[in-house]
C-alpha atoms as a PDB file:
ATOM      1  CA  UNK A   1      34.689  15.129  17.677  1.00  0.00           C
ATOM      2  CA  UNK A   2      33.876  14.906  13.940  1.00  0.00           C
ATOM      3  CA  UNK A   3      30.280  15.254  12.816  1.00  0.00           C
ATOM      4  CA  UNK A   4      28.880  11.889  11.714  1.00  0.00           C
ATOM      5  CA  UNK A   5      26.472  11.596   8.844  1.00  0.00           C
ATOM      6  CA  UNK A   6      23.076  10.182   9.777  1.00  0.00           C
ATOM      7  CA  UNK A   7      22.809   6.438   9.309  1.00  0.00           C
ATOM      8  CA  UNK A   8      20.918   5.455   6.204  1.00  0.00           C
ATOM      9  CA  UNK A   9      18.317   2.737   6.633  1.00  0.00           C
ATOM     10  CA  UNK A  10      18.577   0.104   3.928  1.00  0.00           C
ATOM     11  CA  UNK A  11      15.215  -0.560   2.289  1.00  0.00           C
ATOM     12  CA  UNK A  12      15.194  -4.147   1.107  1.00  0.00           C
ATOM     13  CA  UNK A  13      13.035  -4.985  -1.877  1.00  0.00           C
ATOM     14  CA  UNK A  14      11.332  -8.399  -1.604  1.00  0.00           C
ATOM     15  CA  UNK A  15      12.510 -11.029  -4.030  1.00  0.00           C
ATOM     16  CA  UNK A  16      10.921 -13.835  -5.986  1.00  0.00           C
ATOM     17  CA  UNK A  17      13.274 -16.184  -4.132  1.00  0.00           C
ATOM     18  CA  UNK A  18      11.699 -15.142  -0.808  1.00  0.00           C
ATOM     19  CA  UNK A  19       8.268 -15.874  -2.265  1.00  0.00           C
ATOM     20  CA  UNK A  20       9.365 -19.275  -3.566  1.00  0.00           C
ATOM     21  CA  UNK A  21      10.929 -20.061  -0.189  1.00  0.00           C
ATOM     22  CA  UNK A  22       7.627 -19.175   1.524  1.00  0.00           C
ATOM     23  CA  UNK A  23       5.733 -21.463  -0.836  1.00  0.00           C
ATOM     24  CA  UNK A  24       8.215 -24.309  -0.309  1.00  0.00           C
ATOM     25  CA  UNK A  25       8.027 -23.990   3.501  1.00  0.00           C
ATOM     26  CA  UNK A  26       4.238 -24.117   3.277  1.00  0.00           C
ATOM     27  CA  UNK A  27       4.228 -27.051   0.835  1.00  0.00           C
ATOM     28  CA  UNK A  28       2.543 -25.066  -1.960  1.00  0.00           C
ATOM     29  CA  UNK A  29       2.914 -25.701  -5.665  1.00  0.00           C
ATOM     30  CA  UNK A  30       5.443 -23.444  -7.329  1.00  0.00           C
ATOM     31  CA  UNK A  31       4.168 -22.730 -10.807  1.00  0.00           C
ATOM     32  CA  UNK A  32       5.619 -20.695 -13.647  1.00  0.00           C
ATOM     33  CA  UNK A  33       2.547 -18.436 -13.506  1.00  0.00           C
ATOM     34  CA  UNK A  34       2.990 -17.673  -9.801  1.00  0.00           C
ATOM     35  CA  UNK A  35       6.659 -16.931 -10.413  1.00  0.00           C
ATOM     36  CA  UNK A  36       5.817 -14.563 -13.312  1.00  0.00           C
ATOM     37  CA  UNK A  37       3.155 -12.791 -11.246  1.00  0.00           C
ATOM     38  CA  UNK A  38       5.582 -12.274  -8.335  1.00  0.00           C
ATOM     39  CA  UNK A  39       8.284 -10.957 -10.681  1.00  0.00           C
ATOM     40  CA  UNK A  40       5.813  -8.570 -12.315  1.00  0.00           C
ATOM     41  CA  UNK A  41       4.493  -7.374  -8.949  1.00  0.00           C
ATOM     42  CA  UNK A  42       7.965  -6.631  -7.582  1.00  0.00           C
ATOM     43  CA  UNK A  43       8.797  -4.710 -10.771  1.00  0.00           C
ATOM     44  CA  UNK A  44       5.565  -2.675 -10.759  1.00  0.00           C
ATOM     45  CA  UNK A  45       5.778  -0.359  -7.730  1.00  0.00           C
ATOM     46  CA  UNK A  46       2.892   1.714  -6.488  1.00  0.00           C
ATOM     47  CA  UNK A  47      -0.597   1.073  -5.148  1.00  0.00           C
ATOM     48  CA  UNK A  48      -2.574  -1.072  -7.575  1.00  0.00           C
ATOM     49  CA  UNK A  49      -6.017  -2.574  -7.498  1.00  0.00           C
ATOM     50  CA  UNK A  50      -6.428  -6.191  -8.546  1.00  0.00           C
ATOM     51  CA  UNK A  51      -7.912  -5.001 -11.836  1.00  0.00           C
ATOM     52  CA  UNK A  52      -5.033  -2.583 -12.524  1.00  0.00           C
ATOM     53  CA  UNK A  53      -2.438  -5.230 -11.785  1.00  0.00           C
ATOM     54  CA  UNK A  54      -4.344  -7.850 -13.772  1.00  0.00           C
ATOM     55  CA  UNK A  55      -4.406  -5.495 -16.794  1.00  0.00           C
ATOM     56  CA  UNK A  56      -0.649  -5.020 -16.384  1.00  0.00           C
ATOM     57  CA  UNK A  57      -0.200  -8.817 -16.261  1.00  0.00           C
ATOM     58  CA  UNK A  58      -2.237  -9.167 -19.445  1.00  0.00           C
ATOM     59  CA  UNK A  59       0.341  -7.034 -21.273  1.00  0.00           C
ATOM     60  CA  UNK A  60       3.076  -9.374 -20.032  1.00  0.00           C
ATOM     61  CA  UNK A  61       1.322 -12.734 -20.288  1.00  0.00           C
ATOM     62  CA  UNK A  62      -2.266 -12.864 -21.567  1.00  0.00           C
ATOM     63  CA  UNK A  63      -2.566 -16.561 -20.640  1.00  0.00           C
ATOM     64  CA  UNK A  64      -2.680 -15.805 -16.889  1.00  0.00           C
ATOM     65  CA  UNK A  65      -6.214 -15.549 -15.508  1.00  0.00           C
ATOM     66  CA  UNK A  66      -7.563 -13.014 -13.043  1.00  0.00           C
ATOM     67  CA  UNK A  67      -8.216 -15.677 -10.379  1.00  0.00           C
ATOM     68  CA  UNK A  68      -4.573 -16.788 -10.525  1.00  0.00           C
ATOM     69  CA  UNK A  69      -3.428 -13.167 -10.193  1.00  0.00           C
ATOM     70  CA  UNK A  70      -5.758 -12.597  -7.225  1.00  0.00           C
ATOM     71  CA  UNK A  71      -4.702 -15.785  -5.428  1.00  0.00           C
ATOM     72  CA  UNK A  72      -1.031 -15.023  -5.988  1.00  0.00           C
ATOM     73  CA  UNK A  73      -1.446 -11.477  -4.612  1.00  0.00           C
ATOM     74  CA  UNK A  74      -3.062 -13.020  -1.522  1.00  0.00           C
ATOM     75  CA  UNK A  75      -0.095 -15.404  -1.204  1.00  0.00           C
ATOM     76  CA  UNK A  76       2.349 -12.492  -1.505  1.00  0.00           C
ATOM     77  CA  UNK A  77       0.463 -10.820   1.367  1.00  0.00           C
ATOM     78  CA  UNK A  78       0.527 -14.025   3.440  1.00  0.00           C
ATOM     79  CA  UNK A  79       4.287 -14.211   2.837  1.00  0.00           C
ATOM     80  CA  UNK A  80       4.683 -10.652   4.174  1.00  0.00           C
ATOM     81  CA  UNK A  81       6.022  -9.426   0.833  1.00  0.00           C
ATOM     82  CA  UNK A  82       2.948  -7.393  -0.129  1.00  0.00           C
ATOM     83  CA  UNK A  83       0.219  -5.629   1.771  1.00  0.00           C
ATOM     84  CA  UNK A  84      -3.449  -5.063   1.035  1.00  0.00           C
ATOM     85  CA  UNK A  85      -4.583  -1.509   1.699  1.00  0.00           C
ATOM     86  CA  UNK A  86      -8.062   0.019   1.625  1.00  0.00           C
ATOM     87  CA  UNK A  87      -8.069   3.741   0.919  1.00  0.00           C
ATOM     88  CA  UNK A  88     -11.200   5.821   0.271  1.00  0.00           C
ATOM     89  CA  UNK A  89     -13.061   3.175  -1.662  1.00  0.00           C
ATOM     90  CA  UNK A  90     -13.964  -0.416  -0.954  1.00  0.00           C
ATOM     91  CA  UNK A  91     -11.486  -1.737  -3.513  1.00  0.00           C
ATOM     92  CA  UNK A  92      -8.263  -3.211  -2.147  1.00  0.00           C
ATOM     93  CA  UNK A  93      -4.932  -1.852  -3.357  1.00  0.00           C
ATOM     94  CA  UNK A  94      -1.749  -3.894  -3.207  1.00  0.00           C
ATOM     95  CA  UNK A  95       1.688  -2.550  -2.390  1.00  0.00           C
ATOM     96  CA  UNK A  96       5.174  -4.044  -2.088  1.00  0.00           C
ATOM     97  CA  UNK A  97       6.432  -4.357   1.491  1.00  0.00           C
ATOM     98  CA  UNK A  98      10.000  -3.060   1.705  1.00  0.00           C
ATOM     99  CA  UNK A  99      11.874  -4.131   4.822  1.00  0.00           C
ATOM    100  CA  UNK A 100      13.076  -1.164   6.857  1.00  0.00           C
ATOM    101  CA  UNK A 101      10.711   1.184   5.059  1.00  0.00           C
ATOM    102  CA  UNK A 102       7.637   2.650   6.607  1.00  0.00           C
ATOM    103  CA  UNK A 103       5.293   5.291   5.333  1.00  0.00           C
ATOM    104  CA  UNK A 104       1.781   6.554   5.719  1.00  0.00           C
ATOM    105  CA  UNK A 105      -0.619   7.741   3.034  1.00  0.00           C
ATOM    106  CA  UNK A 106      -2.413  10.925   2.052  1.00  0.00           C
ATOM    107  CA  UNK A 107      -5.433  10.052  -0.089  1.00  0.00           C
ATOM    108  CA  UNK A 108      -7.639  12.383  -2.117  1.00  0.00           C
ATOM    109  CA  UNK A 109     -11.291  11.460  -1.632  1.00  0.00           C
ATOM    110  CA  UNK A 110     -12.178  13.088  -4.957  1.00  0.00           C
ATOM    111  CA  UNK A 111      -9.696  11.729  -7.522  1.00  0.00           C
ATOM    112  CA  UNK A 112      -8.128   8.858  -5.552  1.00  0.00           C
ATOM    113  CA  UNK A 113      -4.575  10.239  -5.743  1.00  0.00           C
ATOM    114  CA  UNK A 114      -2.305   8.543  -3.178  1.00  0.00           C
ATOM    115  CA  UNK A 115       0.822  10.180  -1.778  1.00  0.00           C
ATOM    116  CA  UNK A 116       3.256   8.296   0.441  1.00  0.00           C
ATOM    117  CA  UNK A 117       4.585  10.303   3.388  1.00  0.00           C
ATOM    118  CA  UNK A 118       7.005   9.690   6.235  1.00  0.00           C
ATOM    119  CA  UNK A 119       7.077  11.960   9.260  1.00  0.00           C
ATOM    120  CA  UNK A 120       9.310  11.272  12.264  1.00  0.00           C
ATOM    121  CA  UNK A 121       7.014  13.305  14.540  1.00  0.00           C
ATOM    122  CA  UNK A 122       4.011  11.123  13.673  1.00  0.00           C
ATOM    123  CA  UNK A 123       6.064   7.990  14.254  1.00  0.00           C
ATOM    124  CA  UNK A 124       7.274   9.268  17.637  1.00  0.00           C
ATOM    125  CA  UNK A 125       3.770  10.361  18.653  1.00  0.00           C
ATOM    126  CA  UNK A 126       2.432   6.869  17.900  1.00  0.00           C
ATOM    127  CA  UNK A 127       5.135   5.314  20.077  1.00  0.00           C
ATOM    128  CA  UNK A 128       4.356   7.750  22.896  1.00  0.00           C
ATOM    129  CA  UNK A 129       0.638   7.005  22.708  1.00  0.00           C
ATOM    130  CA  UNK A 130       1.294   3.259  22.782  1.00  0.00           C
ATOM    131  CA  UNK A 131       3.542   3.671  25.840  1.00  0.00           C
ATOM    132  CA  UNK A 132       0.972   5.865  27.582  1.00  0.00           C
ATOM    133  CA  UNK A 133      -1.639   3.109  27.239  1.00  0.00           C
ATOM    134  CA  UNK A 134       0.857   0.312  27.983  1.00  0.00           C
ATOM    135  CA  UNK A 135       0.770  -1.194  24.493  1.00  0.00           C
ATOM    136  CA  UNK A 136       3.586  -2.838  22.609  1.00  0.00           C
ATOM    137  CA  UNK A 137       3.299  -1.379  19.142  1.00  0.00           C
ATOM    138  CA  UNK A 138       3.606  -4.053  16.442  1.00  0.00           C
ATOM    139  CA  UNK A 139       2.663  -1.875  13.509  1.00  0.00           C
ATOM    140  CA  UNK A 140       0.032   0.470  12.230  1.00  0.00           C
ATOM    141  CA  UNK A 141      -1.846   1.553   9.175  1.00  0.00           C
ATOM    142  CA  UNK A 142      -2.324   5.284   8.774  1.00  0.00           C
ATOM    143  CA  UNK A 143      -4.259   7.001   5.991  1.00  0.00           C
ATOM    144  CA  UNK A 144      -5.074  10.704   5.996  1.00  0.00           C
ATOM    145  CA  UNK A 145      -8.063  11.613   3.808  1.00  0.00           C
ATOM    146  CA  UNK A 146      -8.562  14.964   2.137  1.00  0.00           C
ATOM    147  CA  UNK A 147      -8.492  16.865  -1.131  1.00  0.00           C
ATOM    148  CA  UNK A 148      -5.372  17.228  -3.238  1.00  0.00           C
ATOM    149  CA  UNK A 149      -4.361  20.615  -4.616  1.00  0.00           C
ATOM    150  CA  UNK A 150      -5.583  19.782  -8.118  1.00  0.00           C
ATOM    151  CA  UNK A 151      -9.084  18.839  -6.913  1.00  0.00           C
ATOM    152  CA  UNK A 152      -9.320  21.910  -4.684  1.00  0.00           C
ATOM    153  CA  UNK A 153      -8.255  24.127  -7.579  1.00  0.00           C
ATOM    154  CA  UNK A 154     -10.485  22.451 -10.179  1.00  0.00           C
ATOM    155  CA  UNK A 155     -13.654  22.634  -8.126  1.00  0.00           C
ATOM    156  CA  UNK A 156     -15.027  25.896  -6.863  1.00  0.00           C
ATOM    157  CA  UNK A 157     -15.938  25.837  -3.194  1.00  0.00           C
ATOM    158  CA  UNK A 158     -19.189  27.696  -2.595  1.00  0.00           C
ATOM    159  CA  UNK A 159     -20.150  28.125   1.068  1.00  0.00           C
ATOM    160  CA  UNK A 160     -18.312  24.937   2.002  1.00  0.00           C
ATOM    161  CA  UNK A 161     -20.499  22.891  -0.374  1.00  0.00           C
ATOM    162  CA  UNK A 162     -17.563  20.925  -1.811  1.00  0.00           C
ATOM    163  CA  UNK A 163     -16.142  20.170   1.620  1.00  0.00           C
ATOM    164  CA  UNK A 164     -19.577  18.993   2.816  1.00  0.00           C
ATOM    165  CA  UNK A 165     -19.961  16.770  -0.264  1.00  0.00           C
ATOM    166  CA  UNK A 166     -16.529  15.229   0.331  1.00  0.00           C
ATOM    167  CA  UNK A 167     -17.297  14.539   4.023  1.00  0.00           C
ATOM    168  CA  UNK A 168     -20.512  12.817   2.922  1.00  0.00           C
ATOM    169  CA  UNK A 169     -18.685  10.842   0.220  1.00  0.00           C
ATOM    170  CA  UNK A 170     -15.965   9.761   2.661  1.00  0.00           C
ATOM    171  CA  UNK A 171     -18.514   8.727   5.318  1.00  0.00           C
ATOM    172  CA  UNK A 172     -20.333   6.588   2.740  1.00  0.00           C
ATOM    173  CA  UNK A 173     -17.110   4.954   1.508  1.00  0.00           C
ATOM    174  CA  UNK A 174     -15.780   4.100   4.964  1.00  0.00           C
ATOM    175  CA  UNK A 175     -19.015   2.352   6.105  1.00  0.00           C
END
């Protein structure tokens, strides 16, 4: 029997048309500004705060206000095309939702660096835990906090002082 290549999962990028369809179904006004914001968001991958994305929008169209950007990001989340994530700080980050794609995050509590990771063992463990407790898993949000290599290298650890400071910083931020 010939060896078959593993099936590739297609990761579908959301489209402006999906956003416009959502707005039409929900009887919302479709404006040129909302359309431009959605286009810019889908073409600006990563994890961005409202302020970072707003600054990006200002380079594309300085006539669009921060409130319009914020409300449109919230609409993109309501449409299931974006997600709001809270990492180590209290500021929300926004990320494109790609169908068929799932990942978790490693986040540096010192510099804020965010690394996307996918691990089949973690995914399987989550399913096993849900089954053990008789839950139907609908989704999850998983962020691992720590120190990136650069921050560990740049700061000298003396008697665990840095690690203790980071635990304190993380505890304060999560409250």
